[in-house]
Amino acid sequence: MAIVVTGAAGFIASGLVRSLNEHGYTDLILVDDFSNPQKNKNLGGGKLWRQKIDRKEFFKWFAESGSFVECVFHLGARTDTTEFNYAIFEELNVEYSKKMWEFCTIHQVPLIYASSAATYGGGEFGYKDEESLAPQLQPLNPYGVSKNEFDKWVIHQHQTPPFWAGLKFFNVYGANEYHKGRMASVIFHSFNQIKAHNEVKLFRSHRPDFKDGEQLRDFIYVKDLAAVCLFLFHKQPKSGLYNLGTGKARSFLDLTKAVFAALEIPEKINFVDTPLDIRDKYQYFTEADMSKLRSVGYDAPFTSLEEGVKEYVQNYLVKNEYW
């Protein structure tokens, strides 16, 4: 039986491939657009799989081989939060995902897919992963809208896979994001700024209720995220939407100071205006309510920000290594 991983050459999915390999799973079907050489480096380092399939050819393969699929991890998506052409998100994040759902339903294959904390918008309705909240949420950008549109569609389906989980990823960081450019984590950008200029520039706050650098996010280490994916695959508890953060918001100042500490370099932080094209779409606070995942038996601790940043910086970024 094979396990399908979409977006396989990407940041999060390539880490999941490594984690699956570490747990003895090598009969993997990797799905992506494999045309980016820089991104494909994420699949190096001895990772094992059975087959790579272009995302445009995948459903043809699934139609013929669906009975041999044990689970689908659908992590492939357009994730650029600065892209404002919704048609791109509609095609890749909504319609492609609907087709994946329908194929998993036909073949009765469990589906674990990537949603996003971007669905919560400015947090007006809190950060609780209740399906009933999805129709009220007001995401701040087309990416978040696309993820929420698919979540809303899913919870109204009567025909479903035998198990499904939509994972609302919060701010994920860790190895294998070298290719992400502007969309890479603040840790990645901070590391590169420190190496180049011995300082870090952070976005200034444009709200009176937040001091500069004290904007808060729920930062989760990619290895913790992979661990939750494997837990859901093995246990398959109640289907639904699940938050995937740590449950503890931390400031960008905390994060940046952790990068300086990992490099053993004195802190030097300056503030710059948030770019106008994202200023009114910028989240100032996110914090996952993790009670649902805990209630179905996930009891492992999450890596602290300081521990995760230290490992990421010292074991991967400094050495230019991949996970």
C-alpha atoms as a PDB file:
ATOM      1  CA  MET A   1       0.000   0.000   0.000  1.00  0.00           C
ATOM      2  CA  ALA A   2       1.314   3.427  -0.984  1.00  0.00           C
ATOM      3  CA  ILE A   3       1.116   6.799   0.731  1.00  0.00           C
ATOM      4  CA  VAL A   4       0.597   9.891  -1.444  1.00  0.00           C
ATOM      5  CA  VAL A   5       2.257  13.210  -0.539  1.00  0.00           C
ATOM      6  CA  THR A   6       1.345  16.230  -2.671  1.00  0.00           C
ATOM      7  CA  GLY A   7       3.487  19.349  -2.801  1.00  0.00           C
ATOM      8  CA  ALA A   8       6.238  16.832  -2.117  1.00  0.00           C
ATOM      9  CA  ALA A   9       9.190  19.023  -3.114  1.00  0.00           C
ATOM     10  CA  GLY A  10       7.954  21.882  -0.941  1.00  0.00           C
ATOM     11  CA  PHE A  11       9.048  22.967   2.508  1.00  0.00           C
ATOM     12  CA  ILE A  12       6.562  21.126   4.726  1.00  0.00           C
ATOM     13  CA  ALA A  13       5.865  18.107   2.528  1.00  0.00           C
ATOM     14  CA  SER A  14       9.543  17.284   1.974  1.00  0.00           C
ATOM     15  CA  GLY A  15       9.965  17.251   5.744  1.00  0.00           C
ATOM     16  CA  LEU A  16       6.996  14.898   6.010  1.00  0.00           C
ATOM     17  CA  VAL A  17       8.654  12.626   3.423  1.00  0.00           C
ATOM     18  CA  ARG A  18      11.750  12.517   5.653  1.00  0.00           C
ATOM     19  CA  SER A  19       9.625  11.776   8.713  1.00  0.00           C
ATOM     20  CA  LEU A  20       7.710   9.014   6.913  1.00  0.00           C
ATOM     21  CA  ASN A  21      11.017   7.471   5.851  1.00  0.00           C
ATOM     22  CA  GLU A  22      12.265   7.634   9.439  1.00  0.00           C
ATOM     23  CA  HIS A  23       9.171   5.676  10.505  1.00  0.00           C
ATOM     24  CA  GLY A  24       9.744   2.971   7.894  1.00  0.00           C
ATOM     25  CA  TYR A  25       7.486   4.234   5.098  1.00  0.00           C
ATOM     26  CA  THR A  26       9.247   4.246   1.733  1.00  0.00           C
ATOM     27  CA  ASP A  27       6.401   3.234  -0.609  1.00  0.00           C
ATOM     28  CA  LEU A  28       5.584   6.860  -1.288  1.00  0.00           C
ATOM     29  CA  ILE A  29       4.006   8.543  -4.308  1.00  0.00           C
ATOM     30  CA  LEU A  30       5.338  12.088  -4.543  1.00  0.00           C
ATOM     31  CA  VAL A  31       3.175  14.614  -6.404  1.00  0.00           C
ATOM     32  CA  ASP A  32       4.219  18.133  -7.387  1.00  0.00           C
ATOM     33  CA  ASP A  33       5.313  20.390 -10.202  1.00  0.00           C
ATOM     34  CA  PHE A  34       8.937  19.247 -10.229  1.00  0.00           C
ATOM     35  CA  SER A  35      10.201  21.976 -12.575  1.00  0.00           C
ATOM     36  CA  ASN A  36      12.042  24.045  -9.924  1.00  0.00           C
ATOM     37  CA  PRO A  37      15.620  22.708  -9.465  1.00  0.00           C
ATOM     38  CA  GLN A  38      16.145  24.666  -6.234  1.00  0.00           C
ATOM     39  CA  LYS A  39      12.969  23.252  -4.724  1.00  0.00           C
ATOM     40  CA  ASN A  40      13.826  19.711  -5.846  1.00  0.00           C
ATOM     41  CA  LYS A  41      16.914  19.796  -3.621  1.00  0.00           C
ATOM     42  CA  ASN A  42      14.474  19.268  -0.721  1.00  0.00           C
ATOM     43  CA  LEU A  43      14.083  15.656  -1.887  1.00  0.00           C
ATOM     44  CA  GLY A  44      17.804  14.868  -1.678  1.00  0.00           C
ATOM     45  CA  GLY A  45      19.762  13.486   1.241  1.00  0.00           C
ATOM     46  CA  GLY A  46      18.779   9.861   0.716  1.00  0.00           C
ATOM     47  CA  LYS A  47      15.007  10.272   0.876  1.00  0.00           C
ATOM     48  CA  LEU A  48      13.199   7.197  -0.445  1.00  0.00           C
ATOM     49  CA  TRP A  49      10.016   6.913  -2.508  1.00  0.00           C
ATOM     50  CA  ARG A  50       8.434   4.717  -5.163  1.00  0.00           C
ATOM     51  CA  GLN A  51       7.375   7.231  -7.795  1.00  0.00           C
ATOM     52  CA  LYS A  52       7.231  10.944  -8.636  1.00  0.00           C
ATOM     53  CA  ILE A  53       4.182  12.162 -10.566  1.00  0.00           C
ATOM     54  CA  ASP A  54       3.484  15.611 -11.998  1.00  0.00           C
ATOM     55  CA  ARG A  55       0.440  17.138 -10.343  1.00  0.00           C
ATOM     56  CA  LYS A  56      -1.341  17.424 -13.716  1.00  0.00           C
ATOM     57  CA  GLU A  57      -0.965  13.681 -14.309  1.00  0.00           C
ATOM     58  CA  PHE A  58      -1.805  12.567 -10.799  1.00  0.00           C
ATOM     59  CA  PHE A  59      -5.563  11.999 -11.078  1.00  0.00           C
ATOM     60  CA  LYS A  60      -5.065   9.752 -14.078  1.00  0.00           C
ATOM     61  CA  TRP A  61      -2.733   7.663 -11.920  1.00  0.00           C
ATOM     62  CA  PHE A  62      -5.148   7.786  -8.955  1.00  0.00           C
ATOM     63  CA  ALA A  63      -8.027   6.563 -11.123  1.00  0.00           C
ATOM     64  CA  GLU A  64      -6.001   3.484 -12.029  1.00  0.00           C
ATOM     65  CA  SER A  65      -4.249   2.857  -8.704  1.00  0.00           C
ATOM     66  CA  GLY A  66      -6.531   4.292  -6.012  1.00  0.00           C
ATOM     67  CA  SER A  67      -7.212   0.871  -4.462  1.00  0.00           C
ATOM     68  CA  PHE A  68      -3.526   0.622  -3.558  1.00  0.00           C
ATOM     69  CA  VAL A  69      -3.382   3.984  -1.716  1.00  0.00           C
ATOM     70  CA  GLU A  70      -3.322   3.861   2.078  1.00  0.00           C
ATOM     71  CA  CYS A  71      -3.519   7.604   2.763  1.00  0.00           C
ATOM     72  CA  VAL A  72      -3.201  10.967   0.993  1.00  0.00           C
ATOM     73  CA  PHE A  73      -1.348  13.862   2.592  1.00  0.00           C
ATOM     74  CA  HIS A  74      -2.498  16.760   0.424  1.00  0.00           C
ATOM     75  CA  LEU A  75      -0.002  19.520   1.261  1.00  0.00           C
ATOM     76  CA  GLY A  76       0.407  20.982  -2.230  1.00  0.00           C
ATOM     77  CA  ALA A  77      -0.972  24.512  -2.597  1.00  0.00           C
ATOM     78  CA  ARG A  78      -0.234  27.999  -3.829  1.00  0.00           C
ATOM     79  CA  THR A  79       0.882  29.688  -0.599  1.00  0.00           C
ATOM     80  CA  ASP A  80       1.950  33.191  -1.626  1.00  0.00           C
ATOM     81  CA  THR A  81       0.089  35.575   0.686  1.00  0.00           C
ATOM     82  CA  THR A  82       1.185  38.554  -1.436  1.00  0.00           C
ATOM     83  CA  GLU A  83      -0.524  37.180  -4.570  1.00  0.00           C
ATOM     84  CA  PHE A  84      -3.872  38.895  -5.090  1.00  0.00           C
ATOM     85  CA  ASN A  85      -5.115  37.125  -8.240  1.00  0.00           C
ATOM     86  CA  TYR A  86      -7.762  34.902  -6.677  1.00  0.00           C
ATOM     87  CA  ALA A  87      -8.176  32.845  -9.870  1.00  0.00           C
ATOM     88  CA  ILE A  88      -4.772  31.252  -9.220  1.00  0.00           C
ATOM     89  CA  PHE A  89      -5.841  30.162  -5.736  1.00  0.00           C
ATOM     90  CA  GLU A  90      -9.246  29.011  -6.988  1.00  0.00           C
ATOM     91  CA  GLU A  91      -7.611  26.604  -9.425  1.00  0.00           C
ATOM     92  CA  LEU A  92      -4.822  25.202  -7.223  1.00  0.00           C
ATOM     93  CA  ASN A  93      -6.200  25.472  -3.689  1.00  0.00           C
ATOM     94  CA  VAL A  94      -9.932  24.962  -4.178  1.00  0.00           C
ATOM     95  CA  GLU A  95     -10.752  23.067  -7.367  1.00  0.00           C
ATOM     96  CA  TYR A  96      -7.734  20.745  -7.237  1.00  0.00           C
ATOM     97  CA  SER A  97      -8.500  20.001  -3.577  1.00  0.00           C
ATOM     98  CA  LYS A  98     -12.156  19.261  -4.351  1.00  0.00           C
ATOM     99  CA  LYS A  99     -11.036  16.761  -6.962  1.00  0.00           C
ATOM    100  CA  MET A 100      -8.665  15.177  -4.431  1.00  0.00           C
ATOM    101  CA  TRP A 101     -11.537  14.875  -1.947  1.00  0.00           C
ATOM    102  CA  GLU A 102     -13.770  13.255  -4.552  1.00  0.00           C
ATOM    103  CA  PHE A 103     -11.105  10.713  -5.558  1.00  0.00           C
ATOM    104  CA  CYS A 104     -10.372   9.875  -1.904  1.00  0.00           C
ATOM    105  CA  THR A 105     -14.108   9.401  -1.332  1.00  0.00           C
ATOM    106  CA  ILE A 106     -14.530   7.123  -4.356  1.00  0.00           C
ATOM    107  CA  HIS A 107     -11.543   4.968  -3.384  1.00  0.00           C
ATOM    108  CA  GLN A 108     -12.217   5.269   0.389  1.00  0.00           C
ATOM    109  CA  VAL A 109      -8.757   6.631   1.130  1.00  0.00           C
ATOM    110  CA  PRO A 110      -8.093   8.734   4.271  1.00  0.00           C
ATOM    111  CA  LEU A 111      -7.270  12.371   3.434  1.00  0.00           C
ATOM    112  CA  ILE A 112      -5.159  14.703   5.567  1.00  0.00           C
ATOM    113  CA  TYR A 113      -4.909  18.137   3.963  1.00  0.00           C
ATOM    114  CA  ALA A 114      -3.338  21.507   4.665  1.00  0.00           C
ATOM    115  CA  SER A 115      -5.663  24.304   5.633  1.00  0.00           C
ATOM    116  CA  SER A 116      -4.187  27.427   7.243  1.00  0.00           C
ATOM    117  CA  ALA A 117      -4.395  29.797  10.186  1.00  0.00           C
ATOM    118  CA  ALA A 118      -4.771  32.471   7.494  1.00  0.00           C
ATOM    119  CA  THR A 119      -8.448  31.427   7.483  1.00  0.00           C
ATOM    120  CA  TYR A 120      -8.861  33.206  10.835  1.00  0.00           C
ATOM    121  CA  GLY A 121      -8.187  36.640   9.359  1.00  0.00           C
ATOM    122  CA  GLY A 122      -7.745  39.291  12.020  1.00  0.00           C
ATOM    123  CA  GLY A 123      -8.920  36.919  14.739  1.00  0.00           C
ATOM    124  CA  GLU A 124     -12.271  38.615  15.290  1.00  0.00           C
ATOM    125  CA  PHE A 125     -13.876  35.225  15.966  1.00  0.00           C
ATOM    126  CA  GLY A 126     -10.976  33.745  17.903  1.00  0.00           C
ATOM    127  CA  TYR A 127      -8.797  30.797  16.957  1.00  0.00           C
ATOM    128  CA  LYS A 128     -10.943  27.801  17.809  1.00  0.00           C
ATOM    129  CA  ASP A 129     -11.036  25.021  15.214  1.00  0.00           C
ATOM    130  CA  GLU A 130     -14.795  24.489  15.280  1.00  0.00           C
ATOM    131  CA  GLU A 131     -16.299  23.638  11.915  1.00  0.00           C
ATOM    132  CA  SER A 132     -19.311  25.851  12.688  1.00  0.00           C
ATOM    133  CA  LEU A 133     -17.089  28.950  12.716  1.00  0.00           C
ATOM    134  CA  ALA A 134     -15.788  28.528   9.161  1.00  0.00           C
ATOM    135  CA  PRO A 135     -18.679  30.385   7.430  1.00  0.00           C
ATOM    136  CA  GLN A 136     -18.152  33.445   9.669  1.00  0.00           C
ATOM    137  CA  LEU A 137     -14.386  33.794   9.205  1.00  0.00           C
ATOM    138  CA  GLN A 138     -13.032  36.725   7.186  1.00  0.00           C
ATOM    139  CA  PRO A 139      -9.517  35.971   5.870  1.00  0.00           C
ATOM    140  CA  LEU A 140      -7.330  38.972   5.047  1.00  0.00           C
ATOM    141  CA  ASN A 141      -5.913  37.785   1.706  1.00  0.00           C
ATOM    142  CA  PRO A 142      -6.896  35.611  -1.275  1.00  0.00           C
ATOM    143  CA  TYR A 143      -4.730  32.738  -0.024  1.00  0.00           C
ATOM    144  CA  GLY A 144      -6.648  32.631   3.263  1.00  0.00           C
ATOM    145  CA  VAL A 145      -9.951  32.961   1.407  1.00  0.00           C
ATOM    146  CA  SER A 146      -9.117  29.966  -0.787  1.00  0.00           C
ATOM    147  CA  LYS A 147      -8.246  27.799   2.210  1.00  0.00           C
ATOM    148  CA  ASN A 148     -11.433  28.794   4.008  1.00  0.00           C
ATOM    149  CA  GLU A 149     -13.563  28.218   0.906  1.00  0.00           C
ATOM    150  CA  PHE A 150     -12.335  24.653   0.715  1.00  0.00           C
ATOM    151  CA  ASP A 151     -12.891  24.112   4.468  1.00  0.00           C
ATOM    152  CA  LYS A 152     -16.472  25.401   4.105  1.00  0.00           C
ATOM    153  CA  TRP A 153     -17.078  23.126   1.132  1.00  0.00           C
ATOM    154  CA  VAL A 154     -15.676  20.099   2.968  1.00  0.00           C
ATOM    155  CA  ILE A 155     -17.859  20.412   6.051  1.00  0.00           C
ATOM    156  CA  HIS A 156     -21.000  20.361   3.895  1.00  0.00           C
ATOM    157  CA  GLN A 157     -20.119  17.149   2.076  1.00  0.00           C
ATOM    158  CA  HIS A 158     -22.232  14.080   2.777  1.00  0.00           C
ATOM    159  CA  GLN A 159     -19.973  11.749   0.824  1.00  0.00           C
ATOM    160  CA  THR A 160     -16.574  11.709   2.534  1.00  0.00           C
ATOM    161  CA  PRO A 161     -13.327   9.761   2.778  1.00  0.00           C
ATOM    162  CA  PRO A 162     -13.302   7.226   5.647  1.00  0.00           C
ATOM    163  CA  PHE A 163     -11.248   9.724   7.650  1.00  0.00           C
ATOM    164  CA  TRP A 164     -10.336  13.319   6.892  1.00  0.00           C
ATOM    165  CA  ALA A 165      -8.539  16.110   8.709  1.00  0.00           C
ATOM    166  CA  GLY A 166      -8.014  19.706   7.605  1.00  0.00           C
ATOM    167  CA  LEU A 167      -4.941  21.028   9.413  1.00  0.00           C
ATOM    168  CA  LYS A 168      -4.885  24.748  10.118  1.00  0.00           C
ATOM    169  CA  PHE A 169      -1.135  25.339  10.030  1.00  0.00           C
ATOM    170  CA  PHE A 170       0.006  28.358  12.002  1.00  0.00           C
ATOM    171  CA  ASN A 171       3.493  29.920  11.446  1.00  0.00           C
ATOM    172  CA  VAL A 172       5.623  26.962  10.412  1.00  0.00           C
ATOM    173  CA  TYR A 173       9.414  27.247  10.392  1.00  0.00           C
ATOM    174  CA  GLY A 174      12.305  24.867   9.902  1.00  0.00           C
ATOM    175  CA  ALA A 175      14.615  23.231   7.370  1.00  0.00           C
ATOM    176  CA  ASN A 176      13.920  22.988   3.620  1.00  0.00           C
ATOM    177  CA  GLU A 177      12.617  26.504   2.992  1.00  0.00           C
ATOM    178  CA  TYR A 178      15.630  27.782   1.046  1.00  0.00           C
ATOM    179  CA  HIS A 179      13.520  28.109  -2.125  1.00  0.00           C
ATOM    180  CA  LYS A 180      10.672  30.137  -0.639  1.00  0.00           C
ATOM    181  CA  GLY A 181      12.046  33.653  -1.151  1.00  0.00           C
ATOM    182  CA  ARG A 182       9.842  36.331   0.366  1.00  0.00           C
ATOM    183  CA  MET A 183       7.507  33.668   1.785  1.00  0.00           C
ATOM    184  CA  ALA A 184      10.225  32.006   3.900  1.00  0.00           C
ATOM    185  CA  SER A 185       9.967  32.277   7.687  1.00  0.00           C
ATOM    186  CA  VAL A 186      11.205  35.312   9.602  1.00  0.00           C
ATOM    187  CA  ILE A 187      13.841  33.023  11.123  1.00  0.00           C
ATOM    188  CA  PHE A 188      15.275  32.295   7.673  1.00  0.00           C
ATOM    189  CA  HIS A 189      15.306  35.996   6.754  1.00  0.00           C
ATOM    190  CA  SER A 190      16.747  36.996  10.133  1.00  0.00           C
ATOM    191  CA  PHE A 191      19.582  34.498   9.751  1.00  0.00           C
ATOM    192  CA  ASN A 192      20.480  35.859   6.314  1.00  0.00           C
ATOM    193  CA  GLN A 193      20.300  39.482   7.483  1.00  0.00           C
ATOM    194  CA  ILE A 194      22.575  38.750  10.426  1.00  0.00           C
ATOM    195  CA  LYS A 195      25.101  36.954   8.228  1.00  0.00           C
ATOM    196  CA  ALA A 196      25.112  39.856   5.754  1.00  0.00           C
ATOM    197  CA  HIS A 197      24.779  42.911   8.008  1.00  0.00           C
ATOM    198  CA  ASN A 198      25.003  41.761  11.673  1.00  0.00           C
ATOM    199  CA  GLU A 199      21.496  43.131  12.219  1.00  0.00           C
ATOM    200  CA  VAL A 200      17.838  42.260  11.677  1.00  0.00           C
ATOM    201  CA  LYS A 201      15.078  44.483  10.356  1.00  0.00           C
ATOM    202  CA  LEU A 202      11.595  43.796  11.677  1.00  0.00           C
ATOM    203  CA  PHE A 203       8.283  45.324  10.676  1.00  0.00           C
ATOM    204  CA  ARG A 204       7.277  48.322  12.716  1.00  0.00           C
ATOM    205  CA  SER A 205       3.873  48.139  14.381  1.00  0.00           C
ATOM    206  CA  HIS A 206       1.199  50.280  12.743  1.00  0.00           C
ATOM    207  CA  ARG A 207      -1.283  49.729  15.558  1.00  0.00           C
ATOM    208  CA  PRO A 208      -1.202  51.612  18.876  1.00  0.00           C
ATOM    209  CA  ASP A 209      -2.034  48.466  20.873  1.00  0.00           C
ATOM    210  CA  PHE A 210       1.188  46.693  19.780  1.00  0.00           C
ATOM    211  CA  LYS A 211       4.728  47.945  20.332  1.00  0.00           C
ATOM    212  CA  ASP A 212       7.301  47.495  17.560  1.00  0.00           C
ATOM    213  CA  GLY A 213       8.364  43.862  17.301  1.00  0.00           C
ATOM    214  CA  GLU A 214       5.739  42.697  19.765  1.00  0.00           C
ATOM    215  CA  GLN A 215       3.341  41.439  17.123  1.00  0.00           C
ATOM    216  CA  LEU A 216       2.495  37.897  18.227  1.00  0.00           C
ATOM    217  CA  ARG A 217       2.337  34.677  16.229  1.00  0.00           C
ATOM    218  CA  ASP A 218       2.073  30.994  17.041  1.00  0.00           C
ATOM    219  CA  PHE A 219       5.342  29.606  15.638  1.00  0.00           C
ATOM    220  CA  ILE A 220       5.477  25.825  15.158  1.00  0.00           C
ATOM    221  CA  TYR A 221       8.551  23.786  14.271  1.00  0.00           C
ATOM    222  CA  VAL A 222       8.142  21.729  11.094  1.00  0.00           C
ATOM    223  CA  LYS A 223       9.231  18.531  12.869  1.00  0.00           C
ATOM    224  CA  ASP A 224       6.334  18.898  15.326  1.00  0.00           C
ATOM    225  CA  LEU A 225       3.967  19.374  12.410  1.00  0.00           C
ATOM    226  CA  ALA A 226       5.211  16.163  10.770  1.00  0.00           C
ATOM    227  CA  ALA A 227       4.743  14.314  14.061  1.00  0.00           C
ATOM    228  CA  VAL A 228       1.088  15.403  14.228  1.00  0.00           C
ATOM    229  CA  CYS A 229       0.543  14.290  10.616  1.00  0.00           C
ATOM    230  CA  LEU A 230       1.829  10.804  11.478  1.00  0.00           C
ATOM    231  CA  PHE A 231      -0.303  10.687  14.627  1.00  0.00           C
ATOM    232  CA  LEU A 232      -3.470  11.456  12.642  1.00  0.00           C
ATOM    233  CA  PHE A 233      -2.510   8.901   9.980  1.00  0.00           C
ATOM    234  CA  HIS A 234      -2.023   6.174  12.607  1.00  0.00           C
ATOM    235  CA  LYS A 235      -4.908   6.985  14.959  1.00  0.00           C
ATOM    236  CA  GLN A 236      -7.516   8.460  12.584  1.00  0.00           C
ATOM    237  CA  PRO A 237      -9.681   9.987  15.333  1.00  0.00           C
ATOM    238  CA  LYS A 238     -12.847  12.001  14.693  1.00  0.00           C
ATOM    239  CA  SER A 239     -12.745  13.686  11.279  1.00  0.00           C
ATOM    240  CA  GLY A 240     -12.722  17.475  11.200  1.00  0.00           C
ATOM    241  CA  LEU A 241     -10.666  20.652  11.185  1.00  0.00           C
ATOM    242  CA  TYR A 242      -7.693  20.700  13.545  1.00  0.00           C
ATOM    243  CA  ASN A 243      -5.485  23.591  14.565  1.00  0.00           C
ATOM    244  CA  LEU A 244      -1.785  22.930  14.272  1.00  0.00           C
ATOM    245  CA  GLY A 245       0.249  25.410  16.280  1.00  0.00           C
ATOM    246  CA  THR A 246       1.790  25.226  19.739  1.00  0.00           C
ATOM    247  CA  GLY A 247      -0.982  27.041  21.592  1.00  0.00           C
ATOM    248  CA  LYS A 248       1.461  29.709  22.775  1.00  0.00           C
ATOM    249  CA  ALA A 249       1.910  32.995  20.885  1.00  0.00           C
ATOM    250  CA  ARG A 250       5.385  34.520  20.870  1.00  0.00           C
ATOM    251  CA  SER A 251       6.644  37.875  19.644  1.00  0.00           C
ATOM    252  CA  PHE A 252       8.847  38.551  16.635  1.00  0.00           C
ATOM    253  CA  LEU A 253      11.329  40.078  19.086  1.00  0.00           C
ATOM    254  CA  ASP A 254      11.482  36.749  20.962  1.00  0.00           C
ATOM    255  CA  LEU A 255      12.057  34.956  17.689  1.00  0.00           C
ATOM    256  CA  THR A 256      14.783  37.307  16.490  1.00  0.00           C
ATOM    257  CA  LYS A 257      16.580  37.236  19.829  1.00  0.00           C
ATOM    258  CA  ALA A 258      16.571  33.427  19.613  1.00  0.00           C
ATOM    259  CA  VAL A 259      18.308  33.618  16.219  1.00  0.00           C
ATOM    260  CA  PHE A 260      21.004  35.931  17.605  1.00  0.00           C
ATOM    261  CA  ALA A 261      21.432  33.587  20.602  1.00  0.00           C
ATOM    262  CA  ALA A 262      21.766  30.542  18.329  1.00  0.00           C
ATOM    263  CA  LEU A 263      24.501  32.343  16.396  1.00  0.00           C
ATOM    264  CA  GLU A 264      26.094  33.693  19.600  1.00  0.00           C
ATOM    265  CA  ILE A 265      26.066  37.225  18.140  1.00  0.00           C
ATOM    266  CA  PRO A 266      25.036  40.420  20.017  1.00  0.00           C
ATOM    267  CA  GLU A 267      21.514  41.590  19.232  1.00  0.00           C
ATOM    268  CA  LYS A 268      21.020  44.470  16.809  1.00  0.00           C
ATOM    269  CA  ILE A 269      17.417  45.026  15.702  1.00  0.00           C
ATOM    270  CA  ASN A 270      15.999  47.891  13.634  1.00  0.00           C
ATOM    271  CA  PHE A 271      12.411  48.531  12.591  1.00  0.00           C
ATOM    272  CA  VAL A 272      11.093  49.322   9.120  1.00  0.00           C
ATOM    273  CA  ASP A 273       7.601  50.157   7.887  1.00  0.00           C
ATOM    274  CA  THR A 274       5.435  47.195   6.920  1.00  0.00           C
ATOM    275  CA  PRO A 275       5.129  47.230   3.099  1.00  0.00           C
ATOM    276  CA  LEU A 276       1.969  48.983   1.950  1.00  0.00           C
ATOM    277  CA  ASP A 277       0.872  46.033  -0.205  1.00  0.00           C
ATOM    278  CA  ILE A 278       0.433  43.828   2.879  1.00  0.00           C
ATOM    279  CA  ARG A 279      -0.064  46.374   5.677  1.00  0.00           C
ATOM    280  CA  ASP A 280      -3.859  46.155   5.862  1.00  0.00           C
ATOM    281  CA  LYS A 281      -3.691  42.342   5.481  1.00  0.00           C
ATOM    282  CA  TYR A 282      -1.189  41.813   8.286  1.00  0.00           C
ATOM    283  CA  GLN A 283      -2.075  39.621  11.278  1.00  0.00           C
ATOM    284  CA  TYR A 284      -0.929  41.089  14.593  1.00  0.00           C
ATOM    285  CA  PHE A 285      -1.885  38.130  16.755  1.00  0.00           C
ATOM    286  CA  THR A 286      -2.414  34.426  16.185  1.00  0.00           C
ATOM    287  CA  GLU A 287      -2.580  31.680  18.791  1.00  0.00           C
ATOM    288  CA  ALA A 288      -3.918  28.201  18.154  1.00  0.00           C
ATOM    289  CA  ASP A 289      -6.494  26.721  20.491  1.00  0.00           C
ATOM    290  CA  MET A 290      -5.046  23.202  20.662  1.00  0.00           C
ATOM    291  CA  SER A 291      -7.714  21.616  22.868  1.00  0.00           C
ATOM    292  CA  LYS A 292      -9.299  19.584  20.037  1.00  0.00           C
ATOM    293  CA  LEU A 293      -6.068  17.841  19.026  1.00  0.00           C
ATOM    294  CA  ARG A 294      -5.223  17.216  22.673  1.00  0.00           C
ATOM    295  CA  SER A 295      -8.715  15.796  23.257  1.00  0.00           C
ATOM    296  CA  VAL A 296      -8.183  13.048  20.662  1.00  0.00           C
ATOM    297  CA  GLY A 297      -4.990  11.849  22.329  1.00  0.00           C
ATOM    298  CA  TYR A 298      -2.067  13.862  20.973  1.00  0.00           C
ATOM    299  CA  ASP A 299      -0.033  14.414  24.140  1.00  0.00           C
ATOM    300  CA  ALA A 300       3.520  15.070  22.887  1.00  0.00           C
ATOM    301  CA  PRO A 301       5.011  18.434  23.922  1.00  0.00           C
ATOM    302  CA  PHE A 302       5.696  21.034  21.242  1.00  0.00           C
ATOM    303  CA  THR A 303       9.229  22.276  20.696  1.00  0.00           C
ATOM    304  CA  SER A 304       9.826  25.641  22.377  1.00  0.00           C
ATOM    305  CA  LEU A 305      10.658  28.572  20.133  1.00  0.00           C
ATOM    306  CA  GLU A 306      14.170  28.818  21.565  1.00  0.00           C
ATOM    307  CA  GLU A 307      14.861  25.087  21.109  1.00  0.00           C
ATOM    308  CA  GLY A 308      13.426  24.971  17.600  1.00  0.00           C
ATOM    309  CA  VAL A 309      15.255  28.073  16.409  1.00  0.00           C
ATOM    310  CA  LYS A 310      18.534  26.821  17.868  1.00  0.00           C
ATOM    311  CA  GLU A 311      18.264  23.461  16.114  1.00  0.00           C
ATOM    312  CA  TYR A 312      17.136  25.012  12.819  1.00  0.00           C
ATOM    313  CA  VAL A 313      19.914  27.615  12.801  1.00  0.00           C
ATOM    314  CA  GLN A 314      22.793  25.478  14.056  1.00  0.00           C
ATOM    315  CA  ASN A 315      21.988  22.145  12.363  1.00  0.00           C
ATOM    316  CA  TYR A 316      20.566  23.382   9.063  1.00  0.00           C
ATOM    317  CA  LEU A 317      21.034  27.059   8.178  1.00  0.00           C
ATOM    318  CA  VAL A 318      24.655  27.402   9.303  1.00  0.00           C
ATOM    319  CA  LYS A 319      25.567  24.196   7.465  1.00  0.00           C
ATOM    320  CA  ASN A 320      23.253  24.825   4.489  1.00  0.00           C
ATOM    321  CA  GLU A 321      21.784  21.391   5.185  1.00  0.00           C
ATOM    322  CA  TYR A 322      18.407  19.857   4.365  1.00  0.00           C
ATOM    323  CA  TRP A 323      16.204  17.733   6.588  1.00  0.00           C
END
